[in-house]
Each structure stands twice: as C-alpha cells, then as structure tokens.
Amino acid sequence: MMAFDPTHGVTTLDAALLSELRDALSRSVKTGDHGDELKALLARAAADARAKGLQAEQLMLALKDLWFSLPQLETHPGNDVQTRLLQQLIARCIHEYYAS
C-alpha cells in the first residue's frame, strides 16, 4: 500500500475555479463573512477534486494554501475574524466534499 502524500494533486484544481475562489475569499476577508457564493464554489471545487481523484485532505490543503496566499493576510495576519473564517472554510469544504 502506498503512503498518503498530502501534496499530491494539490495544485490540480481547475485554474479558473481557483481564481474565483481566491476572489470570493478576498471578499470574505474584507467583509469578515463568507458570502453566499462560497457554497456553490466549494461544491464545484469538491466535484472537481473528486473527479480528479483527490482526497478531501488534498482539497483542504489546496484551500488552505489559497487562503494563506491572499495578500490581505500577509499585511494583516492572524486576527480572530480570519481564524473564524478559515475554520468555517475548512468545515464547509469537508461538508461539500462528502455531501455528494
């Protein structure tokens, strides 16, 4: 049995979808709340990940990488709102991955 490689496939999500997610997450950081559009985007990301044979953990890593690459987080890192938003993002990611 092969060992799980958490980095395998992390960057294989659809580039256009990653761009839409980046934009939505940037808006989330600005407003302090995830918009309604995030649910649909995460559902698409989960479907894309499953279609490409990615595990839920790999999708979570991709989303966390995307989250921490946001320019707003580099200039204003680590506040309570950002922590809450990241926790919600991960919970929603897991929910959408296993919902279908």
PDB file of N, CA and C in Angstrom:
ATOM      1  N   MET A   1       0.844  -1.184   0.000  1.00  0.00           N
ATOM      2  CA  MET A   1       0.000   0.000   0.000  1.00  0.00           C
ATOM      3  C   MET A   1       0.887   1.244   0.000  1.00  0.00           C
ATOM      4  N   MET A   2       0.521   2.230  -0.829  1.00  0.00           N
ATOM      5  CA  MET A   2       1.280   3.469  -0.913  1.00  0.00           C
ATOM      6  C   MET A   2       0.927   4.399   0.242  1.00  0.00           C
ATOM      7  N   ALA A   3       1.918   5.091   0.724  1.00  0.00           N
ATOM      8  CA  ALA A   3       1.688   6.077   1.787  1.00  0.00           C
ATOM      9  C   ALA A   3       0.952   7.280   1.221  1.00  0.00           C
ATOM     10  N   PHE A   4       0.127   7.887   2.048  1.00  0.00           N
ATOM     11  CA  PHE A   4      -0.610   9.082   1.639  1.00  0.00           C
ATOM     12  C   PHE A   4       0.361  10.239   1.459  1.00  0.00           C
ATOM     13  N   ASP A   5       0.300  10.876   0.320  1.00  0.00           N
ATOM     14  CA  ASP A   5       1.132  12.046   0.029  1.00  0.00           C
ATOM     15  C   ASP A   5       0.231  13.264   0.009  1.00  0.00           C
ATOM     16  N   PRO A   6       0.255  14.090   1.052  1.00  0.00           N
ATOM     17  CA  PRO A   6      -0.672  15.219   1.125  1.00  0.00           C
ATOM     18  C   PRO A   6      -0.436  16.278   0.059  1.00  0.00           C
ATOM     19  N   THR A   7       0.715  16.283  -0.573  1.00  0.00           N
ATOM     20  CA  THR A   7       0.989  17.293  -1.586  1.00  0.00           C
ATOM     21  C   THR A   7       0.604  16.834  -2.975  1.00  0.00           C
ATOM     22  N   HIS A   8       0.330  15.548  -3.149  1.00  0.00           N
ATOM     23  CA  HIS A   8      -0.010  15.043  -4.469  1.00  0.00           C
ATOM     24  C   HIS A   8      -1.336  15.622  -4.950  1.00  0.00           C
ATOM     25  N   GLY A   9      -1.297  16.314  -6.075  1.00  0.00           N
ATOM     26  CA  GLY A   9      -2.520  16.806  -6.680  1.00  0.00           C
ATOM     27  C   GLY A   9      -3.065  18.100  -6.129  1.00  0.00           C
ATOM     28  N   VAL A  10      -2.382  18.700  -5.184  1.00  0.00           N
ATOM     29  CA  VAL A  10      -2.914  19.906  -4.552  1.00  0.00           C
ATOM     30  C   VAL A  10      -3.150  21.016  -5.569  1.00  0.00           C
ATOM     31  N   THR A  11      -2.278  21.140  -6.534  1.00  0.00           N
ATOM     32  CA  THR A  11      -2.417  22.234  -7.488  1.00  0.00           C
ATOM     33  C   THR A  11      -3.164  21.822  -8.751  1.00  0.00           C
ATOM     34  N   THR A  12      -3.831  20.681  -8.745  1.00  0.00           N
ATOM     35  CA  THR A  12      -4.509  20.238  -9.952  1.00  0.00           C
ATOM     36  C   THR A  12      -5.965  20.684 -10.045  1.00  0.00           C
ATOM     37  N   LEU A  13      -6.431  21.470  -9.114  1.00  0.00           N
ATOM     38  CA  LEU A  13      -7.786  22.002  -9.240  1.00  0.00           C
ATOM     39  C   LEU A  13      -7.834  22.960 -10.425  1.00  0.00           C
ATOM     40  N   ASP A  14      -8.999  23.085 -11.005  1.00  0.00           N
ATOM     41  CA  ASP A  14      -9.204  23.954 -12.158  1.00  0.00           C
ATOM     42  C   ASP A  14      -8.741  25.381 -11.851  1.00  0.00           C
ATOM     43  N   ALA A  15      -7.893  25.926 -12.735  1.00  0.00           N
ATOM     44  CA  ALA A  15      -7.304  27.255 -12.517  1.00  0.00           C
ATOM     45  C   ALA A  15      -8.367  28.353 -12.449  1.00  0.00           C
ATOM     46  N   ALA A  16      -9.375  28.283 -13.308  1.00  0.00           N
ATOM     47  CA  ALA A  16     -10.434  29.298 -13.295  1.00  0.00           C
ATOM     48  C   ALA A  16     -11.218  29.239 -11.983  1.00  0.00           C
ATOM     49  N   LEU A  17     -11.471  28.031 -11.513  1.00  0.00           N
ATOM     50  CA  LEU A  17     -12.181  27.858 -10.244  1.00  0.00           C
ATOM     51  C   LEU A  17     -11.344  28.395  -9.086  1.00  0.00           C
ATOM     52  N   LEU A  18     -10.045  28.126  -9.097  1.00  0.00           N
ATOM     53  CA  LEU A  18      -9.163  28.663  -8.053  1.00  0.00           C
ATOM     54  C   LEU A  18      -9.181  30.190  -8.053  1.00  0.00           C
ATOM     55  N   SER A  19      -9.230  30.779  -9.234  1.00  0.00           N
ATOM     56  CA  SER A  19      -9.290  32.239  -9.331  1.00  0.00           C
ATOM     57  C   SER A  19     -10.597  32.764  -8.740  1.00  0.00           C
ATOM     58  N   GLU A  20     -11.704  32.099  -9.044  1.00  0.00           N
ATOM     59  CA  GLU A  20     -12.996  32.510  -8.471  1.00  0.00           C
ATOM     60  C   GLU A  20     -12.991  32.356  -6.956  1.00  0.00           C
ATOM     61  N   LEU A  21     -12.411  31.257  -6.476  1.00  0.00           N
ATOM     62  CA  LEU A  21     -12.315  31.047  -5.030  1.00  0.00           C
ATOM     63  C   LEU A  21     -11.450  32.122  -4.381  1.00  0.00           C
ATOM     64  N   ARG A  22     -10.341  32.454  -5.009  1.00  0.00           N
ATOM     65  CA  ARG A  22      -9.451  33.494  -4.475  1.00  0.00           C
ATOM     66  C   ARG A  22     -10.212  34.814  -4.349  1.00  0.00           C
ATOM     67  N   ASP A  23     -10.961  35.159  -5.382  1.00  0.00           N
ATOM     68  CA  ASP A  23     -11.738  36.406  -5.345  1.00  0.00           C
ATOM     69  C   ASP A  23     -12.778  36.378  -4.225  1.00  0.00           C
ATOM     70  N   ALA A  24     -13.480  35.255  -4.099  1.00  0.00           N
ATOM     71  CA  ALA A  24     -14.504  35.136  -3.062  1.00  0.00           C
ATOM     72  C   ALA A  24     -13.885  35.197  -1.666  1.00  0.00           C
ATOM     73  N   LEU A  25     -12.749  34.532  -1.486  1.00  0.00           N
ATOM     74  CA  LEU A  25     -12.089  34.553  -0.175  1.00  0.00           C
ATOM     75  C   LEU A  25     -11.536  35.931   0.146  1.00  0.00           C
ATOM     76  N   SER A  26     -11.065  36.636  -0.866  1.00  0.00           N
ATOM     77  CA  SER A  26     -10.603  38.014  -0.645  1.00  0.00           C
ATOM     78  C   SER A  26     -11.748  38.884  -0.158  1.00  0.00           C
ATOM     79  N   ARG A  27     -12.917  38.699  -0.770  1.00  0.00           N
ATOM     80  CA  ARG A  27     -14.099  39.452  -0.312  1.00  0.00           C
ATOM     81  C   ARG A  27     -14.466  39.056   1.114  1.00  0.00           C
ATOM     82  N   SER A  28     -14.331  37.775   1.443  1.00  0.00           N
ATOM     83  CA  SER A  28     -14.627  37.312   2.799  1.00  0.00           C
ATOM     84  C   SER A  28     -13.751  38.006   3.824  1.00  0.00           C
ATOM     85  N   VAL A  29     -12.462  38.125   3.510  1.00  0.00           N
ATOM     86  CA  VAL A  29     -11.541  38.789   4.438  1.00  0.00           C
ATOM     87  C   VAL A  29     -11.919  40.253   4.603  1.00  0.00           C
ATOM     88  N   LYS A  30     -12.314  40.900   3.505  1.00  0.00           N
ATOM     89  CA  LYS A  30     -12.685  42.322   3.566  1.00  0.00           C
ATOM     90  C   LYS A  30     -13.951  42.546   4.381  1.00  0.00           C
ATOM     91  N   THR A  31     -14.941  41.657   4.208  1.00  0.00           N
ATOM     92  CA  THR A  31     -16.229  41.856   4.873  1.00  0.00           C
ATOM     93  C   THR A  31     -16.322  41.165   6.226  1.00  0.00           C
ATOM     94  N   GLY A  32     -15.423  40.204   6.484  1.00  0.00           N
ATOM     95  CA  GLY A  32     -15.477  39.462   7.738  1.00  0.00           C
ATOM     96  C   GLY A  32     -16.505  38.358   7.738  1.00  0.00           C
ATOM     97  N   ASP A  33     -17.005  38.002   6.550  1.00  0.00           N
ATOM     98  CA  ASP A  33     -18.032  36.966   6.438  1.00  0.00           C
ATOM     99  C   ASP A  33     -17.940  36.333   5.058  1.00  0.00           C
ATOM    100  N   HIS A  34     -18.182  35.012   5.000  1.00  0.00           N
ATOM    101  CA  HIS A  34     -18.207  34.343   3.708  1.00  0.00           C
ATOM    102  C   HIS A  34     -19.548  34.634   3.027  1.00  0.00           C
ATOM    103  N   GLY A  35     -19.490  35.040   1.787  1.00  0.00           N
ATOM    104  CA  GLY A  35     -20.710  35.309   1.041  1.00  0.00           C
ATOM    105  C   GLY A  35     -21.410  34.027   0.623  1.00  0.00           C
ATOM    106  N   ASP A  36     -22.624  34.172   0.144  1.00  0.00           N
ATOM    107  CA  ASP A  36     -23.425  33.031  -0.302  1.00  0.00           C
ATOM    108  C   ASP A  36     -22.773  32.289  -1.463  1.00  0.00           C
ATOM    109  N   GLU A  37     -21.983  33.000  -2.255  1.00  0.00           N
ATOM    110  CA  GLU A  37     -21.364  32.385  -3.425  1.00  0.00           C
ATOM    111  C   GLU A  37     -20.369  31.290  -3.044  1.00  0.00           C
ATOM    112  N   LEU A  38     -19.842  31.329  -1.819  1.00  0.00           N
ATOM    113  CA  LEU A  38     -18.820  30.364  -1.428  1.00  0.00           C
ATOM    114  C   LEU A  38     -19.347  28.933  -1.445  1.00  0.00           C
ATOM    115  N   LYS A  39     -20.585  28.732  -1.044  1.00  0.00           N
ATOM    116  CA  LYS A  39     -21.160  27.382  -1.032  1.00  0.00           C
ATOM    117  C   LYS A  39     -21.112  26.768  -2.419  1.00  0.00           C
ATOM    118  N   ALA A  40     -21.545  27.499  -3.420  1.00  0.00           N
ATOM    119  CA  ALA A  40     -21.539  26.985  -4.790  1.00  0.00           C
ATOM    120  C   ALA A  40     -20.115  26.752  -5.293  1.00  0.00           C
ATOM    121  N   LEU A  41     -19.209  27.652  -4.944  1.00  0.00           N
ATOM    122  CA  LEU A  41     -17.813  27.492  -5.362  1.00  0.00           C
ATOM    123  C   LEU A  41     -17.173  26.270  -4.701  1.00  0.00           C
ATOM    124  N   LEU A  42     -17.464  26.066  -3.420  1.00  0.00           N
ATOM    125  CA  LEU A  42     -16.911  24.900  -2.733  1.00  0.00           C
ATOM    126  C   LEU A  42     -17.521  23.603  -3.264  1.00  0.00           C
ATOM    127  N   ALA A  43     -18.788  23.648  -3.635  1.00  0.00           N
ATOM    128  CA  ALA A  43     -19.411  22.465  -4.238  1.00  0.00           C
ATOM    129  C   ALA A  43     -18.725  22.129  -5.562  1.00  0.00           C
ATOM    130  N   ARG A  44     -18.429  23.152  -6.349  1.00  0.00           N
ATOM    131  CA  ARG A  44     -17.707  22.939  -7.614  1.00  0.00           C
ATOM    132  C   ARG A  44     -16.304  22.428  -7.363  1.00  0.00           C
ATOM    133  N   ALA A  45     -15.627  22.990  -6.361  1.00  0.00           N
ATOM    134  CA  ALA A  45     -14.266  22.561  -6.036  1.00  0.00           C
ATOM    135  C   ALA A  45     -14.268  21.102  -5.569  1.00  0.00           C
ATOM    136  N   ALA A  46     -15.241  20.734  -4.756  1.00  0.00           N
ATOM    137  CA  ALA A  46     -15.340  19.353  -4.280  1.00  0.00           C
ATOM    138  C   ALA A  46     -15.595  18.398  -5.440  1.00  0.00           C
ATOM    139  N   ALA A  47     -16.479  18.787  -6.347  1.00  0.00           N
ATOM    140  CA  ALA A  47     -16.765  17.946  -7.516  1.00  0.00           C
ATOM    141  C   ALA A  47     -15.523  17.813  -8.393  1.00  0.00           C
ATOM    142  N   ASP A  48     -14.802  18.903  -8.578  1.00  0.00           N
ATOM    143  CA  ASP A  48     -13.571  18.883  -9.373  1.00  0.00           C
ATOM    144  C   ASP A  48     -12.535  17.975  -8.717  1.00  0.00           C
ATOM    145  N   ALA A  49     -12.403  18.088  -7.407  1.00  0.00           N
ATOM    146  CA  ALA A  49     -11.430  17.269  -6.669  1.00  0.00           C
ATOM    147  C   ALA A  49     -11.785  15.788  -6.784  1.00  0.00           C
ATOM    148  N   ARG A  50     -13.054  15.459  -6.563  1.00  0.00           N
ATOM    149  CA  ARG A  50     -13.468  14.056  -6.663  1.00  0.00           C
ATOM    150  C   ARG A  50     -13.252  13.518  -8.068  1.00  0.00           C
ATOM    151  N   ALA A  51     -13.576  14.323  -9.078  1.00  0.00           N
ATOM    152  CA  ALA A  51     -13.403  13.894 -10.472  1.00  0.00           C
ATOM    153  C   ALA A  51     -11.937  13.630 -10.794  1.00  0.00           C
ATOM    154  N   LYS A  52     -11.044  14.337 -10.119  1.00  0.00           N
ATOM    155  CA  LYS A  52      -9.607  14.177 -10.365  1.00  0.00           C
ATOM    156  C   LYS A  52      -8.972  13.179  -9.409  1.00  0.00           C
ATOM    157  N   GLY A  53      -9.790  12.548  -8.582  1.00  0.00           N
ATOM    158  CA  GLY A  53      -9.281  11.534  -7.670  1.00  0.00           C
ATOM    159  C   GLY A  53      -8.569  12.081  -6.445  1.00  0.00           C
ATOM    160  N   LEU A  54      -8.823  13.350  -6.120  1.00  0.00           N
ATOM    161  CA  LEU A  54      -8.203  13.949  -4.938  1.00  0.00           C
ATOM    162  C   LEU A  54      -9.002  13.578  -3.692  1.00  0.00           C
ATOM    163  N   GLN A  55      -8.307  13.390  -2.606  1.00  0.00           N
ATOM    164  CA  GLN A  55      -8.933  13.120  -1.321  1.00  0.00           C
ATOM    165  C   GLN A  55      -9.395  14.442  -0.692  1.00  0.00           C
ATOM    166  N   ALA A  56     -10.283  14.344   0.288  1.00  0.00           N
ATOM    167  CA  ALA A  56     -10.769  15.534   0.986  1.00  0.00           C
ATOM    168  C   ALA A  56      -9.607  16.315   1.606  1.00  0.00           C
ATOM    169  N   GLU A  57      -8.623  15.590   2.131  1.00  0.00           N
ATOM    170  CA  GLU A  57      -7.469  16.234   2.749  1.00  0.00           C
ATOM    171  C   GLU A  57      -6.688  17.070   1.734  1.00  0.00           C
ATOM    172  N   GLN A  58      -6.595  16.579   0.518  1.00  0.00           N
ATOM    173  CA  GLN A  58      -5.875  17.305  -0.517  1.00  0.00           C
ATOM    174  C   GLN A  58      -6.629  18.574  -0.913  1.00  0.00           C
ATOM    175  N   LEU A  59      -7.944  18.488  -0.969  1.00  0.00           N
ATOM    176  CA  LEU A  59      -8.753  19.668  -1.257  1.00  0.00           C
ATOM    177  C   LEU A  59      -8.595  20.692  -0.136  1.00  0.00           C
ATOM    178  N   MET A  60      -8.621  20.223   1.113  1.00  0.00           N
ATOM    179  CA  MET A  60      -8.437  21.142   2.240  1.00  0.00           C
ATOM    180  C   MET A  60      -7.081  21.833   2.167  1.00  0.00           C
ATOM    181  N   LEU A  61      -6.043  21.088   1.846  1.00  0.00           N
ATOM    182  CA  LEU A  61      -4.713  21.688   1.730  1.00  0.00           C
ATOM    183  C   LEU A  61      -4.669  22.729   0.621  1.00  0.00           C
ATOM    184  N   ALA A  62      -5.322  22.437  -0.489  1.00  0.00           N
ATOM    185  CA  ALA A  62      -5.357  23.401  -1.595  1.00  0.00           C
ATOM    186  C   ALA A  62      -6.058  24.683  -1.164  1.00  0.00           C
ATOM    187  N   LEU A  63      -7.166  24.538  -0.442  1.00  0.00           N
ATOM    188  CA  LEU A  63      -7.900  25.716   0.015  1.00  0.00           C
ATOM    189  C   LEU A  63      -7.123  26.491   1.077  1.00  0.00           C
ATOM    190  N   LYS A  64      -6.437  25.776   1.966  1.00  0.00           N
ATOM    191  CA  LYS A  64      -5.618  26.465   2.962  1.00  0.00           C
ATOM    192  C   LYS A  64      -4.463  27.200   2.292  1.00  0.00           C
ATOM    193  N   ASP A  65      -3.849  26.573   1.299  1.00  0.00           N
ATOM    194  CA  ASP A  65      -2.779  27.253   0.555  1.00  0.00           C
ATOM    195  C   ASP A  65      -3.311  28.512  -0.110  1.00  0.00           C
ATOM    196  N   LEU A  66      -4.488  28.394  -0.708  1.00  0.00           N
ATOM    197  CA  LEU A  66      -5.116  29.542  -1.349  1.00  0.00           C
ATOM    198  C   LEU A  66      -5.402  30.631  -0.319  1.00  0.00           C
ATOM    199  N   TRP A  67      -5.949  30.238   0.815  1.00  0.00           N
ATOM    200  CA  TRP A  67      -6.265  31.182   1.891  1.00  0.00           C
ATOM    201  C   TRP A  67      -5.029  31.945   2.338  1.00  0.00           C
ATOM    202  N   PHE A  68      -3.958  31.222   2.622  1.00  0.00           N
ATOM    203  CA  PHE A  68      -2.755  31.872   3.146  1.00  0.00           C
ATOM    204  C   PHE A  68      -1.975  32.634   2.081  1.00  0.00           C
ATOM    205  N   SER A  69      -2.362  32.486   0.823  1.00  0.00           N
ATOM    206  CA  SER A  69      -1.711  33.257  -0.241  1.00  0.00           C
ATOM    207  C   SER A  69      -2.400  34.602  -0.481  1.00  0.00           C
ATOM    208  N   LEU A  70      -3.523  34.838   0.186  1.00  0.00           N
ATOM    209  CA  LEU A  70      -4.240  36.094  -0.001  1.00  0.00           C
ATOM    210  C   LEU A  70      -3.388  37.263   0.473  1.00  0.00           C
ATOM    211  N   PRO A  71      -3.252  38.293  -0.357  1.00  0.00           N
ATOM    212  CA  PRO A  71      -2.410  39.444   0.026  1.00  0.00           C
ATOM    213  C   PRO A  71      -2.845  40.110   1.331  1.00  0.00           C
ATOM    214  N   GLN A  72      -4.148  40.127   1.595  1.00  0.00           N
ATOM    215  CA  GLN A  72      -4.643  40.778   2.815  1.00  0.00           C
ATOM    216  C   GLN A  72      -4.100  40.095   4.068  1.00  0.00           C
ATOM    217  N   LEU A  73      -3.856  38.785   3.986  1.00  0.00           N
ATOM    218  CA  LEU A  73      -3.371  38.068   5.153  1.00  0.00           C
ATOM    219  C   LEU A  73      -1.891  38.313   5.397  1.00  0.00           C
ATOM    220  N   GLU A  74      -1.186  38.681   4.345  1.00  0.00           N
ATOM    221  CA  GLU A  74       0.232  38.988   4.514  1.00  0.00           C
ATOM    222  C   GLU A  74       0.424  40.326   5.220  1.00  0.00           C
ATOM    223  N   THR A  75      -0.476  41.267   4.960  1.00  0.00           N
ATOM    224  CA  THR A  75      -0.337  42.590   5.563  1.00  0.00           C
ATOM    225  C   THR A  75      -1.010  42.689   6.929  1.00  0.00           C
ATOM    226  N   HIS A  76      -2.027  41.858   7.161  1.00  0.00           N
ATOM    227  CA  HIS A  76      -2.737  41.865   8.453  1.00  0.00           C
ATOM    228  C   HIS A  76      -2.961  40.424   8.916  1.00  0.00           C
ATOM    229  N   PRO A  77      -1.894  39.729   9.303  1.00  0.00           N
ATOM    230  CA  PRO A  77      -2.031  38.309   9.635  1.00  0.00           C
ATOM    231  C   PRO A  77      -2.652  38.063  11.005  1.00  0.00           C
ATOM    232  N   GLY A  78      -3.334  36.928  11.087  1.00  0.00           N
ATOM    233  CA  GLY A  78      -3.710  36.321  12.346  1.00  0.00           C
ATOM    234  C   GLY A  78      -4.621  37.043  13.299  1.00  0.00           C
ATOM    235  N   ASN A  79      -5.778  37.511  12.854  1.00  0.00           N
ATOM    236  CA  ASN A  79      -6.714  38.041  13.844  1.00  0.00           C
ATOM    237  C   ASN A  79      -7.859  37.049  14.031  1.00  0.00           C
ATOM    238  N   ASP A  80      -8.718  37.315  15.005  1.00  0.00           N
ATOM    239  CA  ASP A  80      -9.791  36.381  15.346  1.00  0.00           C
ATOM    240  C   ASP A  80     -10.777  36.173  14.203  1.00  0.00           C
ATOM    241  N   VAL A  81     -11.067  37.222  13.461  1.00  0.00           N
ATOM    242  CA  VAL A  81     -12.003  37.105  12.334  1.00  0.00           C
ATOM    243  C   VAL A  81     -11.420  36.174  11.276  1.00  0.00           C
ATOM    244  N   GLN A  82     -10.150  36.343  10.965  1.00  0.00           N
ATOM    245  CA  GLN A  82      -9.511  35.481   9.965  1.00  0.00           C
ATOM    246  C   GLN A  82      -9.487  34.024  10.429  1.00  0.00           C
ATOM    247  N   THR A  83      -9.233  33.809  11.688  1.00  0.00           N
ATOM    248  CA  THR A  83      -9.235  32.448  12.237  1.00  0.00           C
ATOM    249  C   THR A  83     -10.612  31.825  12.100  1.00  0.00           C
ATOM    250  N   ARG A  84     -11.647  32.582  12.441  1.00  0.00           N
ATOM    251  CA  ARG A  84     -13.022  32.082  12.328  1.00  0.00           C
ATOM    252  C   ARG A  84     -13.361  31.782  10.876  1.00  0.00           C
ATOM    253  N   LEU A  85     -12.983  32.675   9.965  1.00  0.00           N
ATOM    254  CA  LEU A  85     -13.261  32.465   8.539  1.00  0.00           C
ATOM    255  C   LEU A  85     -12.549  31.222   8.013  1.00  0.00           C
ATOM    256  N   LEU A  86     -11.315  31.003   8.422  1.00  0.00           N
ATOM    257  CA  LEU A  86     -10.588  29.816   7.990  1.00  0.00           C
ATOM    258  C   LEU A  86     -11.247  28.552   8.534  1.00  0.00           C
ATOM    259  N   GLN A  87     -11.658  28.571   9.784  1.00  0.00           N
ATOM    260  CA  GLN A  87     -12.344  27.417  10.367  1.00  0.00           C
ATOM    261  C   GLN A  87     -13.643  27.120   9.618  1.00  0.00           C
ATOM    262  N   GLN A  88     -14.389  28.158   9.289  1.00  0.00           N
ATOM    263  CA  GLN A  88     -15.624  27.974   8.528  1.00  0.00           C
ATOM    264  C   GLN A  88     -15.335  27.429   7.134  1.00  0.00           C
ATOM    265  N   LEU A  89     -14.280  27.938   6.500  1.00  0.00           N
ATOM    266  CA  LEU A  89     -13.899  27.473   5.169  1.00  0.00           C
ATOM    267  C   LEU A  89     -13.601  25.979   5.196  1.00  0.00           C
ATOM    268  N   ILE A  90     -12.835  25.529   6.163  1.00  0.00           N
ATOM    269  CA  ILE A  90     -12.472  24.113   6.260  1.00  0.00           C
ATOM    270  C   ILE A  90     -13.713  23.266   6.537  1.00  0.00           C
ATOM    271  N   ALA A  91     -14.559  23.713   7.453  1.00  0.00           N
ATOM    272  CA  ALA A  91     -15.783  22.961   7.759  1.00  0.00           C
ATOM    273  C   ALA A  91     -16.686  22.849   6.535  1.00  0.00           C
ATOM    274  N   ARG A  92     -16.821  23.942   5.801  1.00  0.00           N
ATOM    275  CA  ARG A  92     -17.664  23.932   4.601  1.00  0.00           C
ATOM    276  C   ARG A  92     -17.045  23.057   3.511  1.00  0.00           C
ATOM    277  N   CYS A  93     -15.733  23.079   3.409  1.00  0.00           N
ATOM    278  CA  CYS A  93     -15.030  22.254   2.436  1.00  0.00           C
ATOM    279  C   CYS A  93     -15.311  20.782   2.691  1.00  0.00           C
ATOM    280  N   ILE A  94     -15.177  20.366   3.931  1.00  0.00           N
ATOM    281  CA  ILE A  94     -15.438  18.961   4.304  1.00  0.00           C
ATOM    282  C   ILE A  94     -16.884  18.602   4.023  1.00  0.00           C
ATOM    283  N   HIS A  95     -17.787  19.488   4.400  1.00  0.00           N
ATOM    284  CA  HIS A  95     -19.213  19.230   4.178  1.00  0.00           C
ATOM    285  C   HIS A  95     -19.504  19.045   2.680  1.00  0.00           C
ATOM    286  N   GLU A  96     -19.003  19.932   1.855  1.00  0.00           N
ATOM    287  CA  GLU A  96     -19.277  19.850   0.414  1.00  0.00           C
ATOM    288  C   GLU A  96     -18.619  18.635  -0.227  1.00  0.00           C
ATOM    289  N   TYR A  97     -17.440  18.264   0.248  1.00  0.00           N
ATOM    290  CA  TYR A  97     -16.759  17.111  -0.335  1.00  0.00           C
ATOM    291  C   TYR A  97     -17.567  15.837  -0.098  1.00  0.00           C
ATOM    292  N   TYR A  98     -18.109  15.698   1.097  1.00  0.00           N
ATOM    293  CA  TYR A  98     -18.841  14.469   1.436  1.00  0.00           C
ATOM    294  C   TYR A  98     -20.351  14.578   1.196  1.00  0.00           C
ATOM    295  N   ALA A  99     -20.830  15.738   0.797  1.00  0.00           N
ATOM    296  CA  ALA A  99     -22.266  15.918   0.579  1.00  0.00           C
ATOM    297  C   ALA A  99     -22.777  15.171  -0.653  1.00  0.00           C
ATOM    298  N   SER A 100     -21.928  15.003  -1.634  1.00  0.00           N
ATOM    299  CA  SER A 100     -22.389  14.345  -2.878  1.00  0.00           C
ATOM    300  C   SER A 100     -22.020  12.894  -2.921  1.00  0.00           C
TER     301      SER A 100
END
